[in-house]
Amino acid sequence: MTIAESLKHAAKRLLESGVPEHVREGSSLLQLALERDRVFLVAHPEYELSPEERARFISVLERRVAREPLQYITGRQEFCGLEFLVTPDVLIPRPETEILVERSIELLRRAHDPLFADIGIGSGCIAISVLHGVPQARAHGFDISVRALEVVSRNAGLHGVGERLSLFESDIYSAVNRRDYALIVSNPPYVPVDEIDGLQPEVKDFEPHSALTDGGDGLSVIRDLIKHAPDFLRPGGSLVLEIGFGQATAVSDMFDPKLWRNEFVPDSQHVLRMVTAKIA
């Protein structure tokens, strides 16, 4: 089987399985199996795969045909211009979450002693990207999943911020004991449980449900985060949260206007995706 034949076969199999970008992803899978870049594939369409290379290619191709996310197969995903290691123990970083990083960096650059907390840190993509953008910042990362924390630790080492990031096993705020954070940021599980079955197979069948949904209406963790944030923020501190489609009104009602000033920000699809709240 040559490179040209392999790419044609992959595109056909992926198209049949419903993968949208079947040509691009077929190329990515072949690059992974051959440990070669795209330039090599284009320049050597007649290259004959060895038996070992063909076996690796068919293996990763069949995983993608079964709708396993490409990011779990490659073990990597780009976010905020950085490459992160990802495993099925963490959510795959998404472009819409980058607005949380941008706002967090903006707020921390103005802060004296920019110490912040990331609740439900997952892969570490938010906290590590913020630390990368604010060299004087320090972070505490909290997650209920020990395996997720192991992924964060690896990513922190990869990007040279391990000395500025402390990690704790915690269910929301259960292990938080500081009361002087300049910022608390979180991408909480906000998908209502009755919407899980309607998600893409890559999400509902492979990503960790505990990071997707609270098992109810998708608002309980957000409510907890907002209710107790004042206990852990310094005066003038901020809370930055990602929220789901159509949740802005319900989330807005959770903020006491006597205590908070909040702002909702849309993502690139014009969905109100982020709320930034500052203690008045």
C-alpha atoms as a PDB file:
ATOM      1  CA  MET A   1       0.000   0.000   0.000  1.00  0.00           C
ATOM      2  CA  THR A   2       1.476   3.352  -1.076  1.00  0.00           C
ATOM      3  CA  ILE A   3       0.960   6.746   0.535  1.00  0.00           C
ATOM      4  CA  ALA A   4      -1.441   7.731  -2.251  1.00  0.00           C
ATOM      5  CA  GLU A   5      -3.446   4.525  -1.808  1.00  0.00           C
ATOM      6  CA  SER A   6      -3.434   4.899   1.979  1.00  0.00           C
ATOM      7  CA  LEU A   7      -4.785   8.453   1.819  1.00  0.00           C
ATOM      8  CA  LYS A   8      -7.537   7.424  -0.589  1.00  0.00           C
ATOM      9  CA  HIS A   9      -8.498   4.468   1.611  1.00  0.00           C
ATOM     10  CA  ALA A  10      -8.525   6.601   4.763  1.00  0.00           C
ATOM     11  CA  ALA A  11     -10.636   9.351   3.224  1.00  0.00           C
ATOM     12  CA  LYS A  12     -13.216   6.789   2.051  1.00  0.00           C
ATOM     13  CA  ARG A  13     -13.416   4.995   5.432  1.00  0.00           C
ATOM     14  CA  LEU A  14     -13.666   8.235   7.404  1.00  0.00           C
ATOM     15  CA  LEU A  15     -16.295   9.706   5.082  1.00  0.00           C
ATOM     16  CA  GLU A  16     -18.392   6.544   5.445  1.00  0.00           C
ATOM     17  CA  SER A  17     -18.159   6.805   9.238  1.00  0.00           C
ATOM     18  CA  GLY A  18     -19.353  10.425   9.261  1.00  0.00           C
ATOM     19  CA  VAL A  19     -16.083  12.187  10.101  1.00  0.00           C
ATOM     20  CA  PRO A  20     -16.492  15.730   8.674  1.00  0.00           C
ATOM     21  CA  GLU A  21     -12.888  16.554   7.710  1.00  0.00           C
ATOM     22  CA  HIS A  22     -12.126  13.105   6.370  1.00  0.00           C
ATOM     23  CA  VAL A  23      -9.341  14.104   3.969  1.00  0.00           C
ATOM     24  CA  ARG A  24      -7.402  16.223   6.465  1.00  0.00           C
ATOM     25  CA  GLU A  25      -7.810  13.699   9.273  1.00  0.00           C
ATOM     26  CA  GLY A  26      -6.765  10.808   7.035  1.00  0.00           C
ATOM     27  CA  SER A  27      -3.565  12.680   6.307  1.00  0.00           C
ATOM     28  CA  SER A  28      -3.009  13.359  10.035  1.00  0.00           C
ATOM     29  CA  LEU A  29      -3.432   9.683  10.858  1.00  0.00           C
ATOM     30  CA  LEU A  30      -0.993   8.621   8.156  1.00  0.00           C
ATOM     31  CA  GLN A  31       1.546  11.186   9.370  1.00  0.00           C
ATOM     32  CA  LEU A  32       1.190   9.718  12.864  1.00  0.00           C
ATOM     33  CA  ALA A  33       1.627   6.134  11.664  1.00  0.00           C
ATOM     34  CA  LEU A  34       4.664   6.962   9.516  1.00  0.00           C
ATOM     35  CA  GLU A  35       6.140   9.514  11.936  1.00  0.00           C
ATOM     36  CA  ARG A  36       6.489  11.839   8.942  1.00  0.00           C
ATOM     37  CA  ASP A  37       5.147  15.313   8.169  1.00  0.00           C
ATOM     38  CA  ARG A  38       2.658  16.411   5.538  1.00  0.00           C
ATOM     39  CA  VAL A  39       5.436  17.579   3.206  1.00  0.00           C
ATOM     40  CA  PHE A  40       6.752  14.010   3.026  1.00  0.00           C
ATOM     41  CA  LEU A  41       3.299  12.665   2.129  1.00  0.00           C
ATOM     42  CA  VAL A  42       2.879  15.193  -0.667  1.00  0.00           C
ATOM     43  CA  ALA A  43       6.394  14.676  -2.003  1.00  0.00           C
ATOM     44  CA  HIS A  44       6.353  10.859  -1.940  1.00  0.00           C
ATOM     45  CA  PRO A  45       2.917   9.555  -2.994  1.00  0.00           C
ATOM     46  CA  GLU A  46       4.565   6.387  -4.356  1.00  0.00           C
ATOM     47  CA  TYR A  47       6.236   5.506  -1.032  1.00  0.00           C
ATOM     48  CA  GLU A  48       5.379   1.927  -0.070  1.00  0.00           C
ATOM     49  CA  LEU A  49       4.396   1.401   3.575  1.00  0.00           C
ATOM     50  CA  SER A  50       6.281  -1.303   5.422  1.00  0.00           C
ATOM     51  CA  PRO A  51       4.200  -4.041   7.096  1.00  0.00           C
ATOM     52  CA  GLU A  52       4.772  -2.354  10.471  1.00  0.00           C
ATOM     53  CA  GLU A  53       3.760   1.065   9.152  1.00  0.00           C
ATOM     54  CA  ARG A  54       0.665  -0.342   7.491  1.00  0.00           C
ATOM     55  CA  ALA A  55      -0.373  -2.101  10.706  1.00  0.00           C
ATOM     56  CA  ARG A  56       0.050   1.117  12.704  1.00  0.00           C
ATOM     57  CA  PHE A  57      -1.912   3.057  10.100  1.00  0.00           C
ATOM     58  CA  ILE A  58      -4.822   0.617  10.006  1.00  0.00           C
ATOM     59  CA  SER A  59      -4.903   0.585  13.820  1.00  0.00           C
ATOM     60  CA  VAL A  60      -5.193   4.358  14.238  1.00  0.00           C
ATOM     61  CA  LEU A  61      -7.549   4.621  11.267  1.00  0.00           C
ATOM     62  CA  GLU A  62      -9.980   2.108  12.755  1.00  0.00           C
ATOM     63  CA  ARG A  63      -9.923   3.979  16.074  1.00  0.00           C
ATOM     64  CA  ARG A  64     -10.967   7.156  14.261  1.00  0.00           C
ATOM     65  CA  VAL A  65     -13.570   5.281  12.211  1.00  0.00           C
ATOM     66  CA  ALA A  66     -15.077   4.266  15.584  1.00  0.00           C
ATOM     67  CA  ARG A  67     -15.256   8.052  16.241  1.00  0.00           C
ATOM     68  CA  GLU A  68     -12.559   8.181  18.888  1.00  0.00           C
ATOM     69  CA  PRO A  69     -11.372  11.818  18.845  1.00  0.00           C
ATOM     70  CA  LEU A  70      -8.284  12.460  16.775  1.00  0.00           C
ATOM     71  CA  GLN A  71      -6.780  14.293  19.762  1.00  0.00           C
ATOM     72  CA  TYR A  72      -6.925  11.170  21.940  1.00  0.00           C
ATOM     73  CA  ILE A  73      -5.326   9.139  19.163  1.00  0.00           C
ATOM     74  CA  THR A  74      -2.468  11.609  18.659  1.00  0.00           C
ATOM     75  CA  GLY A  75      -2.393  12.491  22.367  1.00  0.00           C
ATOM     76  CA  ARG A  76      -2.095  16.197  21.603  1.00  0.00           C
ATOM     77  CA  GLN A  77      -4.137  19.346  21.013  1.00  0.00           C
ATOM     78  CA  GLU A  78      -3.156  22.943  20.311  1.00  0.00           C
ATOM     79  CA  PHE A  79      -4.630  25.659  22.516  1.00  0.00           C
ATOM     80  CA  CYS A  80      -3.659  29.338  22.707  1.00  0.00           C
ATOM     81  CA  GLY A  81      -0.678  28.626  20.477  1.00  0.00           C
ATOM     82  CA  LEU A  82       0.664  25.940  22.810  1.00  0.00           C
ATOM     83  CA  GLU A  83       0.564  22.163  22.396  1.00  0.00           C
ATOM     84  CA  PHE A  84      -1.009  20.175  25.220  1.00  0.00           C
ATOM     85  CA  LEU A  85      -0.915  16.495  26.021  1.00  0.00           C
ATOM     86  CA  VAL A  86      -4.431  15.058  26.291  1.00  0.00           C
ATOM     87  CA  THR A  87      -5.786  11.697  27.424  1.00  0.00           C
ATOM     88  CA  PRO A  88      -9.325  10.340  27.873  1.00  0.00           C
ATOM     89  CA  ASP A  89      -9.041  11.514  31.508  1.00  0.00           C
ATOM     90  CA  VAL A  90      -9.435  15.161  30.447  1.00  0.00           C
ATOM     91  CA  LEU A  91     -11.612  17.224  28.168  1.00  0.00           C
ATOM     92  CA  ILE A  92     -10.098  18.147  24.830  1.00  0.00           C
ATOM     93  CA  PRO A  93      -9.258  21.892  24.871  1.00  0.00           C
ATOM     94  CA  ARG A  94     -11.557  23.892  22.606  1.00  0.00           C
ATOM     95  CA  PRO A  95     -11.035  27.215  20.804  1.00  0.00           C
ATOM     96  CA  GLU A  96     -14.001  28.890  22.522  1.00  0.00           C
ATOM     97  CA  THR A  97     -12.311  28.425  25.890  1.00  0.00           C
ATOM     98  CA  GLU A  98      -9.447  30.654  24.774  1.00  0.00           C
ATOM     99  CA  ILE A  99     -11.526  33.723  25.646  1.00  0.00           C
ATOM    100  CA  LEU A 100     -11.237  32.731  29.323  1.00  0.00           C
ATOM    101  CA  VAL A 101      -7.461  32.795  28.978  1.00  0.00           C
ATOM    102  CA  GLU A 102      -7.488  36.187  27.275  1.00  0.00           C
ATOM    103  CA  ARG A 103      -9.656  37.746  29.974  1.00  0.00           C
ATOM    104  CA  SER A 104      -7.719  36.114  32.804  1.00  0.00           C
ATOM    105  CA  ILE A 105      -4.428  37.443  31.432  1.00  0.00           C
ATOM    106  CA  GLU A 106      -5.926  40.914  31.115  1.00  0.00           C
ATOM    107  CA  LEU A 107      -7.120  40.884  34.733  1.00  0.00           C
ATOM    108  CA  LEU A 108      -3.958  39.397  36.219  1.00  0.00           C
ATOM    109  CA  ARG A 109      -1.650  41.837  34.469  1.00  0.00           C
ATOM    110  CA  ARG A 110      -3.340  44.586  36.493  1.00  0.00           C
ATOM    111  CA  ALA A 111      -3.209  42.695  39.789  1.00  0.00           C
ATOM    112  CA  HIS A 112      -0.742  43.143  42.611  1.00  0.00           C
ATOM    113  CA  ASP A 113       0.522  39.623  43.427  1.00  0.00           C
ATOM    114  CA  PRO A 114      -1.290  37.805  40.579  1.00  0.00           C
ATOM    115  CA  LEU A 115      -2.187  34.576  42.374  1.00  0.00           C
ATOM    116  CA  PHE A 116      -5.135  32.703  40.835  1.00  0.00           C
ATOM    117  CA  ALA A 117      -7.048  29.447  41.164  1.00  0.00           C
ATOM    118  CA  ASP A 118      -8.279  27.176  38.364  1.00  0.00           C
ATOM    119  CA  ILE A 119     -11.191  25.055  39.602  1.00  0.00           C
ATOM    120  CA  GLY A 120     -11.615  21.834  37.600  1.00  0.00           C
ATOM    121  CA  ILE A 121      -8.273  22.327  35.912  1.00  0.00           C
ATOM    122  CA  GLY A 122      -8.593  19.342  33.528  1.00  0.00           C
ATOM    123  CA  SER A 123      -5.654  19.249  31.122  1.00  0.00           C
ATOM    124  CA  GLY A 124      -4.290  22.462  32.580  1.00  0.00           C
ATOM    125  CA  CYS A 125      -4.747  24.332  29.302  1.00  0.00           C
ATOM    126  CA  ILE A 126      -6.288  27.427  30.920  1.00  0.00           C
ATOM    127  CA  ALA A 127      -3.943  27.796  33.884  1.00  0.00           C
ATOM    128  CA  ILE A 128      -0.792  26.970  31.927  1.00  0.00           C
ATOM    129  CA  SER A 129      -1.713  29.346  29.084  1.00  0.00           C
ATOM    130  CA  VAL A 130      -2.351  32.123  31.622  1.00  0.00           C
ATOM    131  CA  LEU A 131       0.964  31.434  33.370  1.00  0.00           C
ATOM    132  CA  HIS A 132       2.643  31.530  29.975  1.00  0.00           C
ATOM    133  CA  GLY A 133       1.069  34.933  29.310  1.00  0.00           C
ATOM    134  CA  VAL A 134       1.741  36.416  32.762  1.00  0.00           C
ATOM    135  CA  PRO A 135       5.284  35.421  33.794  1.00  0.00           C
ATOM    136  CA  GLN A 136       4.927  36.846  37.313  1.00  0.00           C
ATOM    137  CA  ALA A 137       1.677  34.949  38.039  1.00  0.00           C
ATOM    138  CA  ARG A 138       1.292  31.895  40.258  1.00  0.00           C
ATOM    139  CA  ALA A 139      -1.576  29.400  40.173  1.00  0.00           C
ATOM    140  CA  HIS A 140      -3.282  26.745  42.242  1.00  0.00           C
ATOM    141  CA  GLY A 141      -5.065  24.054  40.245  1.00  0.00           C
ATOM    142  CA  PHE A 142      -7.892  21.934  41.674  1.00  0.00           C
ATOM    143  CA  ASP A 143      -9.543  18.842  40.212  1.00  0.00           C
ATOM    144  CA  ILE A 144     -11.505  15.888  41.548  1.00  0.00           C
ATOM    145  CA  SER A 145      -9.645  13.560  39.156  1.00  0.00           C
ATOM    146  CA  VAL A 146      -6.176  12.412  40.225  1.00  0.00           C
ATOM    147  CA  ARG A 147      -5.507  11.221  36.673  1.00  0.00           C
ATOM    148  CA  ALA A 148      -6.363  14.660  35.318  1.00  0.00           C
ATOM    149  CA  LEU A 149      -3.896  16.207  37.763  1.00  0.00           C
ATOM    150  CA  GLU A 150      -1.223  13.855  36.421  1.00  0.00           C
ATOM    151  CA  VAL A 151      -1.897  15.176  32.913  1.00  0.00           C
ATOM    152  CA  VAL A 152      -1.657  18.756  34.204  1.00  0.00           C
ATOM    153  CA  SER A 153       1.666  18.014  35.849  1.00  0.00           C
ATOM    154  CA  ARG A 154       3.081  16.686  32.583  1.00  0.00           C
ATOM    155  CA  ASN A 155       1.820  19.714  30.651  1.00  0.00           C
ATOM    156  CA  ALA A 156       3.180  22.126  33.248  1.00  0.00           C
ATOM    157  CA  GLY A 157       6.610  20.502  32.905  1.00  0.00           C
ATOM    158  CA  LEU A 158       6.374  20.590  29.123  1.00  0.00           C
ATOM    159  CA  HIS A 159       5.804  24.361  29.184  1.00  0.00           C
ATOM    160  CA  GLY A 160       8.188  25.198  32.008  1.00  0.00           C
ATOM    161  CA  VAL A 161       5.638  26.508  34.528  1.00  0.00           C
ATOM    162  CA  GLY A 162       5.701  23.650  37.045  1.00  0.00           C
ATOM    163  CA  GLU A 163       7.347  25.772  39.738  1.00  0.00           C
ATOM    164  CA  ARG A 164       4.518  28.308  39.541  1.00  0.00           C
ATOM    165  CA  LEU A 165       1.628  25.824  39.550  1.00  0.00           C
ATOM    166  CA  SER A 166       0.553  23.881  42.660  1.00  0.00           C
ATOM    167  CA  LEU A 167      -1.983  21.070  42.226  1.00  0.00           C
ATOM    168  CA  PHE A 168      -4.616  19.757  44.644  1.00  0.00           C
ATOM    169  CA  GLU A 169      -7.217  16.998  44.546  1.00  0.00           C
ATOM    170  CA  SER A 170     -10.492  18.787  45.256  1.00  0.00           C
ATOM    171  CA  ASP A 171     -14.242  18.643  44.612  1.00  0.00           C
ATOM    172  CA  ILE A 172     -14.887  22.252  43.584  1.00  0.00           C
ATOM    173  CA  TYR A 173     -13.712  24.282  46.618  1.00  0.00           C
ATOM    174  CA  SER A 174     -13.311  21.409  49.101  1.00  0.00           C
ATOM    175  CA  ALA A 175      -9.504  21.645  49.282  1.00  0.00           C
ATOM    176  CA  VAL A 176      -9.226  25.413  48.818  1.00  0.00           C
ATOM    177  CA  ASN A 177      -7.909  27.178  51.925  1.00  0.00           C
ATOM    178  CA  ARG A 178      -6.540  30.461  50.543  1.00  0.00           C
ATOM    179  CA  ARG A 179      -8.711  33.569  50.767  1.00  0.00           C
ATOM    180  CA  ASP A 180      -6.603  35.974  48.787  1.00  0.00           C
ATOM    181  CA  TYR A 181      -6.885  34.975  45.128  1.00  0.00           C
ATOM    182  CA  ALA A 182      -6.852  37.794  42.613  1.00  0.00           C
ATOM    183  CA  LEU A 183      -8.833  35.574  40.259  1.00  0.00           C
ATOM    184  CA  ILE A 184     -10.763  32.320  40.166  1.00  0.00           C
ATOM    185  CA  VAL A 185     -11.258  30.782  36.716  1.00  0.00           C
ATOM    186  CA  SER A 186     -13.222  27.678  35.775  1.00  0.00           C
ATOM    187  CA  ASN A 187     -14.585  25.765  32.813  1.00  0.00           C
ATOM    188  CA  PRO A 188     -17.119  23.734  34.819  1.00  0.00           C
ATOM    189  CA  PRO A 189     -19.320  20.794  33.741  1.00  0.00           C
ATOM    190  CA  TYR A 190     -22.307  22.716  32.357  1.00  0.00           C
ATOM    191  CA  VAL A 191     -23.971  20.404  29.820  1.00  0.00           C
ATOM    192  CA  PRO A 192     -27.458  19.352  31.019  1.00  0.00           C
ATOM    193  CA  VAL A 193     -27.520  15.578  31.431  1.00  0.00           C
ATOM    194  CA  ASP A 194     -30.520  15.212  29.116  1.00  0.00           C
ATOM    195  CA  GLU A 195     -28.493  16.771  26.281  1.00  0.00           C
ATOM    196  CA  ILE A 196     -25.572  14.335  26.490  1.00  0.00           C
ATOM    197  CA  ASP A 197     -27.098  11.776  24.105  1.00  0.00           C
ATOM    198  CA  GLY A 198     -27.462  14.471  21.445  1.00  0.00           C
ATOM    199  CA  LEU A 199     -23.769  15.328  21.412  1.00  0.00           C
ATOM    200  CA  GLN A 200     -21.310  14.100  18.773  1.00  0.00           C
ATOM    201  CA  PRO A 201     -20.063  10.522  19.310  1.00  0.00           C
ATOM    202  CA  GLU A 202     -16.561  11.879  19.900  1.00  0.00           C
ATOM    203  CA  VAL A 203     -17.857  13.776  22.931  1.00  0.00           C
ATOM    204  CA  LYS A 204     -20.551  11.580  24.457  1.00  0.00           C
ATOM    205  CA  ASP A 205     -18.738   8.284  23.939  1.00  0.00           C
ATOM    206  CA  PHE A 206     -15.161   9.266  24.756  1.00  0.00           C
ATOM    207  CA  GLU A 207     -14.770  12.454  26.801  1.00  0.00           C
ATOM    208  CA  PRO A 208     -15.125  12.187  30.618  1.00  0.00           C
ATOM    209  CA  HIS A 209     -18.755  12.767  31.582  1.00  0.00           C
ATOM    210  CA  SER A 210     -17.768  14.148  34.977  1.00  0.00           C
ATOM    211  CA  ALA A 211     -16.133  17.067  33.163  1.00  0.00           C
ATOM    212  CA  LEU A 212     -19.092  17.549  30.815  1.00  0.00           C
ATOM    213  CA  THR A 213     -22.152  17.436  33.058  1.00  0.00           C
ATOM    214  CA  ASP A 214     -23.162  17.819  36.684  1.00  0.00           C
ATOM    215  CA  GLY A 215     -25.704  15.034  36.195  1.00  0.00           C
ATOM    216  CA  GLY A 216     -28.579  17.530  36.326  1.00  0.00           C
ATOM    217  CA  ASP A 217     -29.469  20.816  34.655  1.00  0.00           C
ATOM    218  CA  GLY A 218     -25.859  21.859  34.070  1.00  0.00           C
ATOM    219  CA  LEU A 219     -26.063  24.745  36.530  1.00  0.00           C
ATOM    220  CA  SER A 220     -25.299  23.225  39.933  1.00  0.00           C
ATOM    221  CA  VAL A 221     -21.515  23.524  39.786  1.00  0.00           C
ATOM    222  CA  ILE A 222     -21.760  27.046  38.367  1.00  0.00           C
ATOM    223  CA  ARG A 223     -24.090  27.946  41.239  1.00  0.00           C
ATOM    224  CA  ASP A 224     -21.597  26.559  43.756  1.00  0.00           C
ATOM    225  CA  LEU A 225     -18.699  28.389  42.161  1.00  0.00           C
ATOM    226  CA  ILE A 226     -20.528  31.721  42.291  1.00  0.00           C
ATOM    227  CA  LYS A 227     -21.975  31.268  45.786  1.00  0.00           C
ATOM    228  CA  HIS A 228     -18.660  30.538  47.493  1.00  0.00           C
ATOM    229  CA  ALA A 229     -16.236  32.550  45.350  1.00  0.00           C
ATOM    230  CA  PRO A 230     -16.368  35.571  47.708  1.00  0.00           C
ATOM    231  CA  ASP A 231     -14.948  33.353  50.465  1.00  0.00           C
ATOM    232  CA  PHE A 232     -11.742  32.858  48.483  1.00  0.00           C
ATOM    233  CA  LEU A 233     -11.268  36.085  46.525  1.00  0.00           C
ATOM    234  CA  ARG A 234      -9.477  39.161  47.821  1.00  0.00           C
ATOM    235  CA  PRO A 235     -11.372  42.497  47.755  1.00  0.00           C
ATOM    236  CA  GLY A 236     -11.748  43.519  44.110  1.00  0.00           C
ATOM    237  CA  GLY A 237     -11.035  39.972  42.919  1.00  0.00           C
ATOM    238  CA  SER A 238     -12.677  38.450  39.841  1.00  0.00           C
ATOM    239  CA  LEU A 239     -14.455  35.252  38.861  1.00  0.00           C
ATOM    240  CA  VAL A 240     -14.215  34.072  35.230  1.00  0.00           C
ATOM    241  CA  LEU A 241     -16.468  31.209  34.121  1.00  0.00           C
ATOM    242  CA  GLU A 242     -17.293  29.423  30.890  1.00  0.00           C
ATOM    243  CA  ILE A 243     -21.018  28.729  30.514  1.00  0.00           C
ATOM    244  CA  GLY A 244     -23.217  26.829  28.085  1.00  0.00           C
ATOM    245  CA  PHE A 245     -25.566  27.860  25.311  1.00  0.00           C
ATOM    246  CA  GLY A 246     -28.676  29.592  26.646  1.00  0.00           C
ATOM    247  CA  GLN A 247     -27.462  29.726  30.265  1.00  0.00           C
ATOM    248  CA  ALA A 248     -26.657  33.439  30.511  1.00  0.00           C
ATOM    249  CA  THR A 249     -29.985  34.531  32.022  1.00  0.00           C
ATOM    250  CA  ALA A 250     -30.003  31.783  34.657  1.00  0.00           C
ATOM    251  CA  VAL A 251     -26.366  32.473  35.532  1.00  0.00           C
ATOM    252  CA  SER A 252     -26.943  36.212  35.722  1.00  0.00           C
ATOM    253  CA  ASP A 253     -29.661  35.620  38.313  1.00  0.00           C
ATOM    254  CA  MET A 254     -27.132  33.806  40.541  1.00  0.00           C
ATOM    255  CA  PHE A 255     -25.110  36.976  41.136  1.00  0.00           C
ATOM    256  CA  ASP A 256     -26.104  39.296  43.977  1.00  0.00           C
ATOM    257  CA  PRO A 257     -26.024  42.761  42.337  1.00  0.00           C
ATOM    258  CA  LYS A 258     -25.076  44.288  45.697  1.00  0.00           C
ATOM    259  CA  LEU A 259     -21.889  42.192  45.714  1.00  0.00           C
ATOM    260  CA  TRP A 260     -20.971  41.646  42.069  1.00  0.00           C
ATOM    261  CA  ARG A 261     -20.515  43.547  38.811  1.00  0.00           C
ATOM    262  CA  ASN A 262     -20.683  41.082  35.921  1.00  0.00           C
ATOM    263  CA  GLU A 263     -20.286  41.033  32.157  1.00  0.00           C
ATOM    264  CA  PHE A 264     -21.199  38.321  29.645  1.00  0.00           C
ATOM    265  CA  VAL A 265     -18.954  37.853  26.607  1.00  0.00           C
ATOM    266  CA  PRO A 266     -19.796  36.010  23.347  1.00  0.00           C
ATOM    267  CA  ASP A 267     -17.517  33.540  21.590  1.00  0.00           C
ATOM    268  CA  SER A 268     -16.746  33.588  17.855  1.00  0.00           C
ATOM    269  CA  GLN A 269     -20.134  31.948  17.179  1.00  0.00           C
ATOM    270  CA  HIS A 270     -21.905  34.799  19.033  1.00  0.00           C
ATOM    271  CA  VAL A 271     -22.879  32.482  21.897  1.00  0.00           C
ATOM    272  CA  LEU A 272     -22.643  34.090  25.348  1.00  0.00           C
ATOM    273  CA  ARG A 273     -19.853  31.805  26.472  1.00  0.00           C
ATOM    274  CA  MET A 274     -18.090  33.597  29.329  1.00  0.00           C
ATOM    275  CA  VAL A 275     -19.076  35.572  32.385  1.00  0.00           C
ATOM    276  CA  THR A 276     -16.595  37.827  34.173  1.00  0.00           C
ATOM    277  CA  ALA A 277     -17.678  39.011  37.610  1.00  0.00           C
ATOM    278  CA  LYS A 278     -15.816  41.392  39.888  1.00  0.00           C
ATOM    279  CA  ILE A 279     -16.513  41.848  43.577  1.00  0.00           C
ATOM    280  CA  ALA A 280     -17.923  45.368  43.913  1.00  0.00           C
END
